[in-house]
Amino acid sequence: MQPFQNFTGVVAPLDRANVDTDAIIPKQFLKSIKRSGFGPYLFDELRYLDHGEPDMDCSNRPLNSNFVLNDSRFSSAQILLARENFGCGSSREHAPWALADFGFRVILAPSFADIFFNNCFKNGILPIQLKSDLINALFEKASGATPLQIAVDLPAQLLTLNDGETIPFTVDAGNKQRLIEGLDDIGLTLQQADAIREYEARRRIEAPWVFYTV
């Protein structure tokens, strides 16, 4: 997992509540366990007018012109602005995979589904929960003729809008460090590699029968 770098990105306003993981990445795309290749199918049923299937060439598919990511202003957005209960539904980790593969690094919402929220940190995405009045104000600014850009400073836990407004945010210290260092669950475990090897060597002496093979 790549370490989270401070950046300035365009905000894509997804003005829809209770977006579930099946809307984020539909069930037919769950056959793959790779973390890459899901970006073209992100929000597939909202983004396209036809039915999507794995390995389809999306370059010529009919687009839903009313969907936010099909607006050229937001085609390279890195920050997703959403409504309450984002990421509800099933616990599929493919949802943050698809968001990350598209290019999103931050999601702003008044509330998240718990499992999705935690899966984001494991896949390099920073989910930020803000009060509803702040989210409403951001939607107003993001829906204007000029795209809203926000500078994200994770170490300082601060958002800076392109009009100079600043918004502090909170994040769990452990998850913050995980993102800054680019550590998924395997990476966190490998930090204890020396201690694991020492334990296994000691156990081979203390309880050799556990390691006996025919």
N, C-alpha and C. Protein backbone atom coordinates (compact mmCIF):
# COMPACT_ATOMS: atom_id res chain seq x y z
N MET A 1 0.84 -1.18 0.00
CA MET A 1 0.00 0.00 0.00
C MET A 1 0.88 1.25 0.00
N GLN A 2 0.58 2.19 -0.87
CA GLN A 2 1.36 3.42 -0.95
C GLN A 2 1.10 4.32 0.26
N PRO A 3 2.15 4.93 0.81
CA PRO A 3 1.93 5.88 1.91
C PRO A 3 1.03 7.02 1.46
N PHE A 4 0.25 7.53 2.37
CA PHE A 4 -0.65 8.64 2.07
C PHE A 4 0.16 9.93 2.06
N GLN A 5 0.16 10.61 0.90
CA GLN A 5 0.85 11.87 0.75
C GLN A 5 -0.14 13.03 0.80
N ASN A 6 0.26 14.14 1.39
CA ASN A 6 -0.58 15.32 1.34
C ASN A 6 -0.77 15.75 -0.12
N PHE A 7 -1.95 16.20 -0.47
CA PHE A 7 -2.22 16.57 -1.86
C PHE A 7 -3.38 17.55 -1.93
N THR A 8 -3.53 18.14 -3.11
CA THR A 8 -4.68 18.99 -3.40
C THR A 8 -5.46 18.33 -4.53
N GLY A 9 -6.75 18.09 -4.29
CA GLY A 9 -7.54 17.37 -5.28
C GLY A 9 -8.89 18.01 -5.52
N VAL A 10 -9.46 17.69 -6.69
CA VAL A 10 -10.80 18.14 -7.04
C VAL A 10 -11.83 17.29 -6.31
N VAL A 11 -12.92 17.92 -5.90
CA VAL A 11 -14.00 17.25 -5.17
C VAL A 11 -15.13 16.88 -6.12
N ALA A 12 -15.54 15.61 -6.11
CA ALA A 12 -16.69 15.15 -6.89
C ALA A 12 -17.88 15.03 -5.95
N PRO A 13 -18.95 15.81 -6.16
CA PRO A 13 -20.11 15.77 -5.25
C PRO A 13 -21.12 14.69 -5.65
N LEU A 14 -21.20 13.62 -4.87
CA LEU A 14 -22.16 12.54 -5.10
C LEU A 14 -23.34 12.78 -4.15
N ASP A 15 -24.34 13.49 -4.63
CA ASP A 15 -25.43 13.94 -3.78
C ASP A 15 -26.50 12.85 -3.65
N ARG A 16 -26.14 11.82 -2.87
CA ARG A 16 -27.01 10.66 -2.74
C ARG A 16 -26.73 10.00 -1.39
N ALA A 17 -27.76 9.75 -0.60
CA ALA A 17 -27.60 9.12 0.71
C ALA A 17 -27.68 7.60 0.58
N ASN A 18 -27.14 6.91 1.58
CA ASN A 18 -27.24 5.44 1.68
C ASN A 18 -26.70 4.73 0.46
N VAL A 19 -25.57 5.20 -0.05
CA VAL A 19 -24.92 4.52 -1.17
C VAL A 19 -24.30 3.24 -0.65
N ASP A 20 -24.80 2.09 -1.11
CA ASP A 20 -24.30 0.83 -0.57
C ASP A 20 -23.15 0.28 -1.42
N THR A 21 -22.53 -0.78 -0.93
CA THR A 21 -21.36 -1.32 -1.61
C THR A 21 -21.72 -1.96 -2.94
N ASP A 22 -22.97 -2.38 -3.12
CA ASP A 22 -23.37 -2.93 -4.42
C ASP A 22 -23.47 -1.82 -5.46
N ALA A 23 -23.81 -0.61 -5.02
CA ALA A 23 -23.81 0.53 -5.94
C ALA A 23 -22.38 0.95 -6.25
N ILE A 24 -21.49 0.83 -5.26
CA ILE A 24 -20.10 1.21 -5.48
C ILE A 24 -19.43 0.25 -6.46
N ILE A 25 -19.61 -1.05 -6.24
CA ILE A 25 -19.08 -2.05 -7.18
C ILE A 25 -20.04 -3.23 -7.19
N PRO A 26 -20.83 -3.39 -8.26
CA PRO A 26 -21.86 -4.44 -8.31
C PRO A 26 -21.30 -5.85 -8.16
N LYS A 27 -22.18 -6.74 -7.77
CA LYS A 27 -21.80 -8.10 -7.39
C LYS A 27 -21.09 -8.89 -8.48
N GLN A 28 -21.40 -8.64 -9.75
CA GLN A 28 -20.80 -9.44 -10.83
C GLN A 28 -19.30 -9.21 -10.97
N PHE A 29 -18.79 -8.14 -10.34
CA PHE A 29 -17.36 -7.85 -10.45
C PHE A 29 -16.56 -8.40 -9.28
N LEU A 30 -17.19 -9.19 -8.42
CA LEU A 30 -16.51 -9.67 -7.22
C LEU A 30 -15.73 -10.96 -7.44
N LYS A 31 -15.67 -11.44 -8.67
CA LYS A 31 -14.99 -12.70 -8.94
C LYS A 31 -13.48 -12.58 -8.79
N SER A 32 -12.96 -11.40 -9.01
CA SER A 32 -11.52 -11.19 -8.91
C SER A 32 -11.14 -10.82 -7.49
N ILE A 33 -9.98 -11.31 -7.03
CA ILE A 33 -9.48 -10.94 -5.71
C ILE A 33 -8.26 -10.04 -5.82
N LYS A 34 -7.98 -9.56 -7.04
CA LYS A 34 -6.92 -8.58 -7.21
C LYS A 34 -7.44 -7.22 -6.77
N ARG A 35 -6.56 -6.36 -6.32
CA ARG A 35 -6.99 -5.04 -5.86
C ARG A 35 -7.07 -4.03 -7.00
N SER A 36 -6.61 -4.41 -8.17
CA SER A 36 -6.57 -3.47 -9.28
C SER A 36 -7.57 -3.87 -10.36
N GLY A 37 -7.87 -2.91 -11.24
CA GLY A 37 -8.72 -3.17 -12.39
C GLY A 37 -10.19 -2.90 -12.16
N PHE A 38 -10.56 -2.39 -10.98
CA PHE A 38 -11.98 -2.15 -10.68
C PHE A 38 -12.43 -0.73 -10.99
N GLY A 39 -11.48 0.18 -11.20
CA GLY A 39 -11.82 1.58 -11.42
C GLY A 39 -12.83 1.84 -12.53
N PRO A 40 -12.69 1.19 -13.69
CA PRO A 40 -13.64 1.43 -14.77
C PRO A 40 -15.07 1.00 -14.44
N TYR A 41 -15.23 0.14 -13.43
CA TYR A 41 -16.57 -0.37 -13.08
C TYR A 41 -17.12 0.28 -11.81
N LEU A 42 -16.40 1.28 -11.28
CA LEU A 42 -16.87 1.99 -10.09
C LEU A 42 -18.23 2.63 -10.38
N PHE A 43 -19.19 2.43 -9.48
CA PHE A 43 -20.56 2.96 -9.65
C PHE A 43 -21.15 2.54 -11.00
N ASP A 44 -20.90 1.30 -11.39
CA ASP A 44 -21.22 0.86 -12.75
C ASP A 44 -22.67 1.11 -13.14
N GLU A 45 -23.61 0.77 -12.26
CA GLU A 45 -25.02 0.89 -12.64
C GLU A 45 -25.50 2.35 -12.66
N LEU A 46 -24.77 3.23 -11.99
CA LEU A 46 -25.10 4.65 -12.02
C LEU A 46 -24.37 5.37 -13.16
N ARG A 47 -23.24 4.85 -13.51
CA ARG A 47 -22.34 5.53 -14.45
C ARG A 47 -22.65 5.23 -15.91
N TYR A 48 -23.14 4.00 -16.17
CA TYR A 48 -23.40 3.58 -17.54
C TYR A 48 -24.89 3.27 -17.74
N LEU A 49 -25.31 3.27 -19.00
CA LEU A 49 -26.71 3.01 -19.32
C LEU A 49 -26.96 1.55 -19.68
N ASP A 50 -25.89 0.78 -19.88
CA ASP A 50 -26.05 -0.65 -20.17
C ASP A 50 -25.63 -1.47 -18.96
N HIS A 51 -25.74 -2.79 -19.08
CA HIS A 51 -25.37 -3.69 -17.98
C HIS A 51 -23.90 -4.05 -18.10
N GLY A 52 -23.15 -3.84 -17.03
CA GLY A 52 -21.73 -4.14 -17.04
C GLY A 52 -21.41 -5.55 -16.64
N GLU A 53 -20.36 -6.09 -17.23
CA GLU A 53 -19.85 -7.42 -16.89
C GLU A 53 -18.34 -7.35 -16.79
N PRO A 54 -17.73 -8.27 -16.05
CA PRO A 54 -16.27 -8.26 -15.92
C PRO A 54 -15.58 -8.33 -17.28
N ASP A 55 -14.46 -7.64 -17.39
CA ASP A 55 -13.60 -7.62 -18.58
C ASP A 55 -14.23 -6.88 -19.76
N MET A 56 -15.33 -6.18 -19.54
CA MET A 56 -15.89 -5.37 -20.62
C MET A 56 -14.98 -4.18 -20.92
N ASP A 57 -14.92 -3.79 -22.18
CA ASP A 57 -14.24 -2.56 -22.57
C ASP A 57 -15.20 -1.40 -22.31
N CYS A 58 -14.87 -0.57 -21.35
CA CYS A 58 -15.79 0.50 -20.95
C CYS A 58 -15.65 1.76 -21.80
N SER A 59 -14.67 1.77 -22.70
CA SER A 59 -14.39 3.00 -23.44
C SER A 59 -15.52 3.40 -24.38
N ASN A 60 -16.33 2.42 -24.84
CA ASN A 60 -17.40 2.74 -25.77
C ASN A 60 -18.79 2.49 -25.19
N ARG A 61 -18.87 2.29 -23.88
CA ARG A 61 -20.18 2.04 -23.28
C ARG A 61 -20.99 3.34 -23.18
N PRO A 62 -22.32 3.26 -23.30
CA PRO A 62 -23.14 4.47 -23.21
C PRO A 62 -23.13 5.02 -21.78
N LEU A 63 -22.88 6.31 -21.67
CA LEU A 63 -22.74 6.94 -20.36
C LEU A 63 -24.03 7.61 -19.91
N ASN A 64 -24.24 7.60 -18.60
CA ASN A 64 -25.33 8.35 -18.00
C ASN A 64 -24.84 9.79 -17.83
N SER A 65 -25.32 10.69 -18.66
CA SER A 65 -24.82 12.06 -18.67
C SER A 65 -25.14 12.81 -17.38
N ASN A 66 -26.07 12.29 -16.59
CA ASN A 66 -26.46 12.95 -15.34
C ASN A 66 -25.61 12.51 -14.14
N PHE A 67 -24.72 11.55 -14.36
CA PHE A 67 -23.92 11.06 -13.23
C PHE A 67 -22.66 11.89 -13.08
N VAL A 68 -22.32 12.21 -11.84
CA VAL A 68 -21.28 13.18 -11.54
C VAL A 68 -19.93 12.82 -12.16
N LEU A 69 -19.53 11.56 -12.16
CA LEU A 69 -18.21 11.20 -12.67
C LEU A 69 -18.13 11.26 -14.18
N ASN A 70 -19.27 11.42 -14.85
CA ASN A 70 -19.27 11.60 -16.31
C ASN A 70 -19.20 13.06 -16.70
N ASP A 71 -19.16 13.94 -15.72
CA ASP A 71 -18.95 15.37 -15.95
C ASP A 71 -17.44 15.60 -16.03
N SER A 72 -16.98 16.20 -17.11
CA SER A 72 -15.54 16.38 -17.33
C SER A 72 -14.86 17.13 -16.19
N ARG A 73 -15.61 17.94 -15.45
CA ARG A 73 -15.02 18.67 -14.33
C ARG A 73 -14.54 17.74 -13.23
N PHE A 74 -15.16 16.55 -13.14
CA PHE A 74 -14.87 15.65 -12.02
C PHE A 74 -14.23 14.33 -12.45
N SER A 75 -13.85 14.22 -13.70
CA SER A 75 -13.35 12.93 -14.22
C SER A 75 -12.03 12.51 -13.58
N SER A 76 -11.28 13.47 -13.04
CA SER A 76 -10.02 13.12 -12.38
C SER A 76 -10.05 13.47 -10.89
N ALA A 77 -11.25 13.50 -10.32
CA ALA A 77 -11.39 13.86 -8.90
C ALA A 77 -10.70 12.85 -8.00
N GLN A 78 -10.12 13.34 -6.91
CA GLN A 78 -9.48 12.48 -5.92
C GLN A 78 -10.19 12.51 -4.57
N ILE A 79 -11.17 13.39 -4.45
CA ILE A 79 -11.93 13.52 -3.21
C ILE A 79 -13.40 13.33 -3.53
N LEU A 80 -14.04 12.40 -2.84
CA LEU A 80 -15.47 12.13 -3.05
C LEU A 80 -16.25 12.74 -1.90
N LEU A 81 -17.25 13.56 -2.24
CA LEU A 81 -18.14 14.16 -1.26
C LEU A 81 -19.46 13.40 -1.29
N ALA A 82 -19.87 12.85 -0.17
CA ALA A 82 -21.04 11.97 -0.15
C ALA A 82 -21.97 12.36 0.99
N ARG A 83 -23.12 11.70 0.99
CA ARG A 83 -24.12 11.92 2.03
C ARG A 83 -24.02 10.83 3.10
N GLU A 84 -25.01 10.80 4.00
CA GLU A 84 -24.94 9.93 5.16
C GLU A 84 -24.99 8.44 4.80
N ASN A 85 -24.39 7.66 5.70
CA ASN A 85 -24.40 6.19 5.63
C ASN A 85 -23.72 5.68 4.37
N PHE A 86 -22.65 6.33 3.97
CA PHE A 86 -21.94 5.89 2.77
C PHE A 86 -21.25 4.56 3.03
N GLY A 87 -21.34 3.63 2.07
CA GLY A 87 -20.69 2.33 2.17
C GLY A 87 -21.48 1.29 2.94
N CYS A 88 -22.80 1.50 3.09
CA CYS A 88 -23.63 0.51 3.79
C CYS A 88 -23.79 -0.74 2.92
N GLY A 89 -24.46 -1.75 3.45
CA GLY A 89 -24.67 -2.98 2.68
C GLY A 89 -23.68 -4.05 3.07
N SER A 90 -23.21 -4.80 2.10
CA SER A 90 -22.30 -5.92 2.37
C SER A 90 -20.92 -5.42 2.75
N SER A 91 -20.09 -6.33 3.26
CA SER A 91 -18.77 -5.96 3.76
C SER A 91 -17.69 -6.09 2.70
N ARG A 92 -18.05 -6.23 1.43
CA ARG A 92 -17.07 -6.48 0.37
C ARG A 92 -15.95 -5.43 0.36
N GLU A 93 -14.72 -5.92 0.39
CA GLU A 93 -13.57 -5.02 0.36
C GLU A 93 -13.32 -4.48 -1.05
N HIS A 94 -14.01 -5.08 -2.02
CA HIS A 94 -13.90 -4.59 -3.40
C HIS A 94 -14.35 -3.13 -3.52
N ALA A 95 -15.21 -2.67 -2.60
CA ALA A 95 -15.70 -1.30 -2.69
C ALA A 95 -14.56 -0.28 -2.55
N PRO A 96 -13.76 -0.34 -1.47
CA PRO A 96 -12.62 0.59 -1.43
C PRO A 96 -11.58 0.30 -2.51
N TRP A 97 -11.45 -0.96 -2.93
CA TRP A 97 -10.53 -1.24 -4.04
C TRP A 97 -10.93 -0.45 -5.28
N ALA A 98 -12.23 -0.45 -5.60
CA ALA A 98 -12.71 0.25 -6.79
C ALA A 98 -12.52 1.75 -6.66
N LEU A 99 -12.82 2.29 -5.50
CA LEU A 99 -12.65 3.73 -5.27
C LEU A 99 -11.18 4.13 -5.40
N ALA A 100 -10.30 3.34 -4.81
CA ALA A 100 -8.87 3.64 -4.88
C ALA A 100 -8.34 3.49 -6.30
N ASP A 101 -8.82 2.46 -7.01
CA ASP A 101 -8.35 2.22 -8.37
C ASP A 101 -8.79 3.35 -9.30
N PHE A 102 -9.94 3.95 -9.04
CA PHE A 102 -10.39 5.09 -9.83
C PHE A 102 -9.50 6.30 -9.58
N GLY A 103 -9.01 6.42 -8.34
CA GLY A 103 -8.14 7.53 -7.99
C GLY A 103 -8.55 8.30 -6.75
N PHE A 104 -9.64 7.88 -6.09
CA PHE A 104 -10.07 8.58 -4.87
C PHE A 104 -9.13 8.25 -3.71
N ARG A 105 -8.72 9.31 -3.00
CA ARG A 105 -7.88 9.13 -1.82
C ARG A 105 -8.60 9.54 -0.54
N VAL A 106 -9.65 10.36 -0.68
CA VAL A 106 -10.37 10.87 0.48
C VAL A 106 -11.86 10.81 0.20
N ILE A 107 -12.65 10.45 1.23
CA ILE A 107 -14.11 10.51 1.14
C ILE A 107 -14.61 11.36 2.30
N LEU A 108 -15.44 12.34 1.99
CA LEU A 108 -16.03 13.20 3.00
C LEU A 108 -17.52 12.88 3.11
N ALA A 109 -18.00 12.61 4.31
CA ALA A 109 -19.42 12.28 4.50
C ALA A 109 -19.80 12.53 5.95
N PRO A 110 -21.10 12.72 6.21
CA PRO A 110 -21.53 12.89 7.61
C PRO A 110 -21.50 11.60 8.41
N SER A 111 -21.58 10.45 7.71
CA SER A 111 -21.50 9.16 8.41
C SER A 111 -21.16 8.07 7.41
N PHE A 112 -20.55 7.00 7.93
CA PHE A 112 -20.13 5.85 7.12
C PHE A 112 -20.62 4.56 7.77
N ALA A 113 -20.81 3.53 6.96
CA ALA A 113 -21.01 2.19 7.51
C ALA A 113 -19.69 1.73 8.14
N ASP A 114 -19.76 1.07 9.30
CA ASP A 114 -18.57 0.76 10.09
C ASP A 114 -17.54 -0.08 9.34
N ILE A 115 -17.98 -1.18 8.72
CA ILE A 115 -17.04 -2.07 8.06
C ILE A 115 -16.37 -1.37 6.89
N PHE A 116 -17.16 -0.67 6.08
CA PHE A 116 -16.59 0.07 4.96
C PHE A 116 -15.58 1.10 5.46
N PHE A 117 -15.93 1.81 6.53
CA PHE A 117 -15.05 2.83 7.11
C PHE A 117 -13.69 2.23 7.45
N ASN A 118 -13.68 1.09 8.11
CA ASN A 118 -12.42 0.46 8.49
C ASN A 118 -11.68 -0.11 7.29
N ASN A 119 -12.41 -0.62 6.31
CA ASN A 119 -11.76 -1.15 5.11
C ASN A 119 -11.04 -0.06 4.33
N CYS A 120 -11.54 1.16 4.41
CA CYS A 120 -10.89 2.27 3.70
C CYS A 120 -9.46 2.44 4.19
N PHE A 121 -9.26 2.46 5.49
CA PHE A 121 -7.92 2.66 6.04
C PHE A 121 -6.97 1.53 5.63
N LYS A 122 -7.50 0.34 5.44
CA LYS A 122 -6.68 -0.80 5.05
C LYS A 122 -6.28 -0.76 3.58
N ASN A 123 -6.87 0.20 2.84
CA ASN A 123 -6.62 0.25 1.40
C ASN A 123 -6.22 1.64 0.92
N GLY A 124 -5.67 2.44 1.83
CA GLY A 124 -5.08 3.70 1.44
C GLY A 124 -6.04 4.85 1.24
N ILE A 125 -7.28 4.72 1.70
CA ILE A 125 -8.27 5.78 1.56
C ILE A 125 -8.55 6.38 2.93
N LEU A 126 -8.64 7.72 2.97
CA LEU A 126 -8.92 8.42 4.21
C LEU A 126 -10.40 8.82 4.24
N PRO A 127 -11.24 8.14 5.06
CA PRO A 127 -12.63 8.57 5.21
C PRO A 127 -12.74 9.60 6.33
N ILE A 128 -13.32 10.74 6.03
CA ILE A 128 -13.42 11.82 7.01
C ILE A 128 -14.89 12.10 7.29
N GLN A 129 -15.25 12.01 8.54
CA GLN A 129 -16.63 12.28 8.95
C GLN A 129 -16.73 13.73 9.42
N LEU A 130 -17.62 14.49 8.76
CA LEU A 130 -17.84 15.89 9.11
C LEU A 130 -19.31 16.11 9.46
N LYS A 131 -19.58 17.16 10.21
CA LYS A 131 -20.95 17.48 10.58
C LYS A 131 -21.78 17.80 9.34
N SER A 132 -23.07 17.53 9.43
CA SER A 132 -23.95 17.68 8.27
C SER A 132 -23.96 19.10 7.71
N ASP A 133 -23.87 20.10 8.58
CA ASP A 133 -23.89 21.47 8.07
C ASP A 133 -22.65 21.79 7.25
N LEU A 134 -21.51 21.22 7.64
CA LEU A 134 -20.29 21.39 6.85
C LEU A 134 -20.41 20.67 5.51
N ILE A 135 -20.95 19.45 5.54
CA ILE A 135 -21.14 18.70 4.30
C ILE A 135 -22.08 19.46 3.36
N ASN A 136 -23.15 20.01 3.89
CA ASN A 136 -24.08 20.79 3.07
C ASN A 136 -23.38 21.99 2.42
N ALA A 137 -22.56 22.68 3.19
CA ALA A 137 -21.83 23.84 2.66
C ALA A 137 -20.85 23.42 1.57
N LEU A 138 -20.20 22.27 1.77
CA LEU A 138 -19.27 21.79 0.75
C LEU A 138 -20.00 21.40 -0.53
N PHE A 139 -21.20 20.82 -0.41
CA PHE A 139 -21.97 20.49 -1.60
C PHE A 139 -22.31 21.76 -2.39
N GLU A 140 -22.64 22.81 -1.70
CA GLU A 140 -22.95 24.07 -2.39
C GLU A 140 -21.73 24.57 -3.17
N LYS A 141 -20.57 24.51 -2.53
CA LYS A 141 -19.36 24.99 -3.19
C LYS A 141 -18.91 24.06 -4.32
N ALA A 142 -19.10 22.75 -4.14
CA ALA A 142 -18.64 21.78 -5.13
C ALA A 142 -19.54 21.72 -6.35
N SER A 143 -20.74 22.24 -6.24
CA SER A 143 -21.70 22.16 -7.34
C SER A 143 -21.68 23.41 -8.22
N GLY A 144 -20.77 24.32 -7.96
CA GLY A 144 -20.68 25.53 -8.77
C GLY A 144 -20.00 25.29 -10.10
N ALA A 145 -19.88 26.35 -10.88
CA ALA A 145 -19.28 26.25 -12.20
C ALA A 145 -17.80 25.88 -12.12
N THR A 146 -17.13 26.38 -11.09
CA THR A 146 -15.71 26.07 -10.90
C THR A 146 -15.55 24.95 -9.89
N PRO A 147 -14.85 23.89 -10.25
CA PRO A 147 -14.70 22.76 -9.32
C PRO A 147 -14.06 23.20 -8.00
N LEU A 148 -14.55 22.62 -6.94
CA LEU A 148 -13.97 22.85 -5.62
C LEU A 148 -12.71 22.01 -5.48
N GLN A 149 -11.63 22.63 -5.02
CA GLN A 149 -10.39 21.92 -4.73
C GLN A 149 -10.10 22.03 -3.24
N ILE A 150 -9.61 20.94 -2.68
CA ILE A 150 -9.28 20.92 -1.27
C ILE A 150 -7.87 20.35 -1.10
N ALA A 151 -7.07 21.04 -0.29
CA ALA A 151 -5.76 20.54 0.10
C ALA A 151 -5.93 19.71 1.37
N VAL A 152 -5.43 18.49 1.33
CA VAL A 152 -5.58 17.55 2.45
C VAL A 152 -4.24 17.39 3.15
N ASP A 153 -4.18 17.76 4.41
CA ASP A 153 -2.97 17.62 5.23
C ASP A 153 -3.28 16.62 6.34
N LEU A 154 -2.90 15.38 6.12
CA LEU A 154 -3.22 14.34 7.10
C LEU A 154 -2.44 14.52 8.40
N PRO A 155 -1.12 14.76 8.38
CA PRO A 155 -0.42 14.94 9.66
C PRO A 155 -1.02 16.05 10.52
N ALA A 156 -1.43 17.16 9.89
CA ALA A 156 -2.03 18.27 10.64
C ALA A 156 -3.52 18.11 10.84
N GLN A 157 -4.11 17.10 10.18
CA GLN A 157 -5.56 16.84 10.22
C GLN A 157 -6.34 18.10 9.87
N LEU A 158 -6.03 18.61 8.66
CA LEU A 158 -6.61 19.88 8.24
C LEU A 158 -6.94 19.86 6.75
N LEU A 159 -8.15 20.33 6.42
CA LEU A 159 -8.56 20.53 5.04
C LEU A 159 -8.52 22.03 4.75
N THR A 160 -7.95 22.41 3.61
CA THR A 160 -7.91 23.81 3.21
C THR A 160 -8.56 23.95 1.85
N LEU A 161 -9.66 24.70 1.79
CA LEU A 161 -10.39 24.90 0.54
C LEU A 161 -9.69 25.95 -0.31
N ASN A 162 -10.01 25.95 -1.61
CA ASN A 162 -9.33 26.89 -2.50
C ASN A 162 -9.75 28.34 -2.27
N ASP A 163 -10.77 28.58 -1.44
CA ASP A 163 -11.12 29.95 -1.07
C ASP A 163 -10.48 30.37 0.25
N GLY A 164 -9.62 29.50 0.80
CA GLY A 164 -8.89 29.82 2.01
C GLY A 164 -9.51 29.28 3.29
N GLU A 165 -10.76 28.80 3.24
CA GLU A 165 -11.40 28.25 4.44
C GLU A 165 -10.67 26.99 4.89
N THR A 166 -10.54 26.83 6.18
CA THR A 166 -9.90 25.63 6.72
C THR A 166 -10.90 24.85 7.58
N ILE A 167 -10.80 23.54 7.50
CA ILE A 167 -11.68 22.66 8.27
C ILE A 167 -10.83 21.59 8.95
N PRO A 168 -10.74 21.60 10.28
CA PRO A 168 -10.02 20.53 10.98
C PRO A 168 -10.86 19.26 10.99
N PHE A 169 -10.19 18.13 11.05
CA PHE A 169 -10.91 16.86 11.13
C PHE A 169 -10.20 15.93 12.10
N THR A 170 -10.92 14.94 12.58
CA THR A 170 -10.35 13.98 13.52
C THR A 170 -10.14 12.64 12.83
N VAL A 171 -9.14 11.93 13.28
CA VAL A 171 -8.87 10.59 12.77
C VAL A 171 -8.16 9.82 13.88
N ASP A 172 -8.52 8.55 14.01
CA ASP A 172 -7.89 7.69 15.01
C ASP A 172 -6.38 7.65 14.79
N ALA A 173 -5.62 7.75 15.87
CA ALA A 173 -4.16 7.83 15.77
C ALA A 173 -3.56 6.62 15.07
N GLY A 174 -4.08 5.42 15.38
CA GLY A 174 -3.55 4.22 14.75
C GLY A 174 -3.81 4.18 13.26
N ASN A 175 -5.02 4.55 12.85
CA ASN A 175 -5.35 4.57 11.43
C ASN A 175 -4.58 5.66 10.70
N LYS A 176 -4.38 6.78 11.37
CA LYS A 176 -3.59 7.86 10.78
C LYS A 176 -2.18 7.40 10.48
N GLN A 177 -1.55 6.73 11.44
CA GLN A 177 -0.18 6.26 11.24
C GLN A 177 -0.13 5.18 10.17
N ARG A 178 -1.15 4.33 10.13
CA ARG A 178 -1.23 3.28 9.11
C ARG A 178 -1.18 3.90 7.71
N LEU A 179 -1.97 4.97 7.49
CA LEU A 179 -2.01 5.62 6.18
C LEU A 179 -0.69 6.32 5.87
N ILE A 180 -0.16 7.05 6.85
CA ILE A 180 1.08 7.79 6.61
C ILE A 180 2.22 6.85 6.23
N GLU A 181 2.27 5.68 6.87
CA GLU A 181 3.35 4.73 6.60
C GLU A 181 3.01 3.76 5.48
N GLY A 182 1.76 3.78 5.00
CA GLY A 182 1.37 2.89 3.91
C GLY A 182 1.32 1.43 4.33
N LEU A 183 0.74 1.15 5.48
CA LEU A 183 0.73 -0.21 6.02
C LEU A 183 -0.68 -0.80 5.99
N ASP A 184 -0.83 -1.91 5.27
CA ASP A 184 -2.06 -2.69 5.37
C ASP A 184 -1.87 -3.69 6.50
N ASP A 185 -2.82 -4.65 6.66
CA ASP A 185 -2.72 -5.59 7.78
C ASP A 185 -1.46 -6.44 7.69
N ILE A 186 -1.08 -6.83 6.48
CA ILE A 186 0.14 -7.64 6.31
C ILE A 186 1.37 -6.81 6.68
N GLY A 187 1.38 -5.56 6.23
CA GLY A 187 2.49 -4.69 6.56
C GLY A 187 2.64 -4.47 8.05
N LEU A 188 1.51 -4.31 8.74
CA LEU A 188 1.56 -4.15 10.20
C LEU A 188 2.14 -5.39 10.86
N THR A 189 1.74 -6.57 10.38
CA THR A 189 2.25 -7.82 10.94
C THR A 189 3.74 -7.97 10.69
N LEU A 190 4.20 -7.62 9.48
CA LEU A 190 5.61 -7.77 9.14
C LEU A 190 6.52 -6.85 9.94
N GLN A 191 5.95 -5.81 10.54
CA GLN A 191 6.75 -4.98 11.44
C GLN A 191 7.24 -5.77 12.64
N GLN A 192 6.56 -6.88 12.95
CA GLN A 192 6.94 -7.74 14.09
C GLN A 192 7.66 -9.01 13.62
N ALA A 193 8.23 -8.97 12.41
CA ALA A 193 8.83 -10.17 11.82
C ALA A 193 9.93 -10.75 12.70
N ASP A 194 10.79 -9.91 13.25
CA ASP A 194 11.89 -10.42 14.09
C ASP A 194 11.34 -11.11 15.33
N ALA A 195 10.34 -10.50 15.97
CA ALA A 195 9.74 -11.10 17.16
C ALA A 195 9.05 -12.41 16.83
N ILE A 196 8.43 -12.50 15.67
CA ILE A 196 7.76 -13.74 15.25
C ILE A 196 8.79 -14.84 15.04
N ARG A 197 9.90 -14.51 14.37
CA ARG A 197 10.96 -15.51 14.14
C ARG A 197 11.56 -15.99 15.46
N GLU A 198 11.77 -15.07 16.39
CA GLU A 198 12.33 -15.45 17.70
C GLU A 198 11.37 -16.37 18.44
N TYR A 199 10.08 -16.07 18.38
CA TYR A 199 9.09 -16.90 19.04
C TYR A 199 9.07 -18.31 18.44
N GLU A 200 9.09 -18.39 17.12
CA GLU A 200 9.05 -19.71 16.47
C GLU A 200 10.29 -20.52 16.80
N ALA A 201 11.46 -19.87 16.84
CA ALA A 201 12.70 -20.59 17.18
C ALA A 201 12.65 -21.10 18.61
N ARG A 202 12.12 -20.28 19.54
CA ARG A 202 12.02 -20.69 20.94
C ARG A 202 11.04 -21.84 21.10
N ARG A 203 9.92 -21.79 20.38
CA ARG A 203 8.91 -22.85 20.48
C ARG A 203 9.44 -24.17 19.92
N ARG A 204 10.30 -24.11 18.92
CA ARG A 204 10.88 -25.36 18.39
C ARG A 204 11.71 -26.07 19.44
N ILE A 205 12.31 -25.31 20.36
CA ILE A 205 13.10 -25.89 21.44
C ILE A 205 12.19 -26.33 22.59
N GLU A 206 11.21 -25.50 22.95
CA GLU A 206 10.34 -25.77 24.08
C GLU A 206 9.32 -26.86 23.79
N ALA A 207 8.84 -26.92 22.57
CA ALA A 207 7.79 -27.89 22.21
C ALA A 207 8.05 -28.44 20.82
N PRO A 208 9.11 -29.21 20.66
CA PRO A 208 9.48 -29.71 19.32
C PRO A 208 8.39 -30.58 18.69
N TRP A 209 7.56 -31.25 19.53
CA TRP A 209 6.52 -32.12 18.98
C TRP A 209 5.48 -31.36 18.15
N VAL A 210 5.34 -30.08 18.44
CA VAL A 210 4.38 -29.28 17.68
C VAL A 210 4.82 -29.18 16.21
N PHE A 211 6.10 -29.23 15.97
CA PHE A 211 6.64 -29.06 14.62
C PHE A 211 6.98 -30.39 13.97
N TYR A 212 6.63 -31.52 14.64
CA TYR A 212 6.95 -32.84 14.10
C TYR A 212 6.17 -33.11 12.84
N THR A 213 6.84 -33.56 11.82
CA THR A 213 6.19 -33.97 10.56
C THR A 213 6.60 -35.38 10.21
N VAL A 214 5.69 -36.10 9.58
CA VAL A 214 5.96 -37.49 9.19
C VAL A 214 6.80 -37.51 7.93
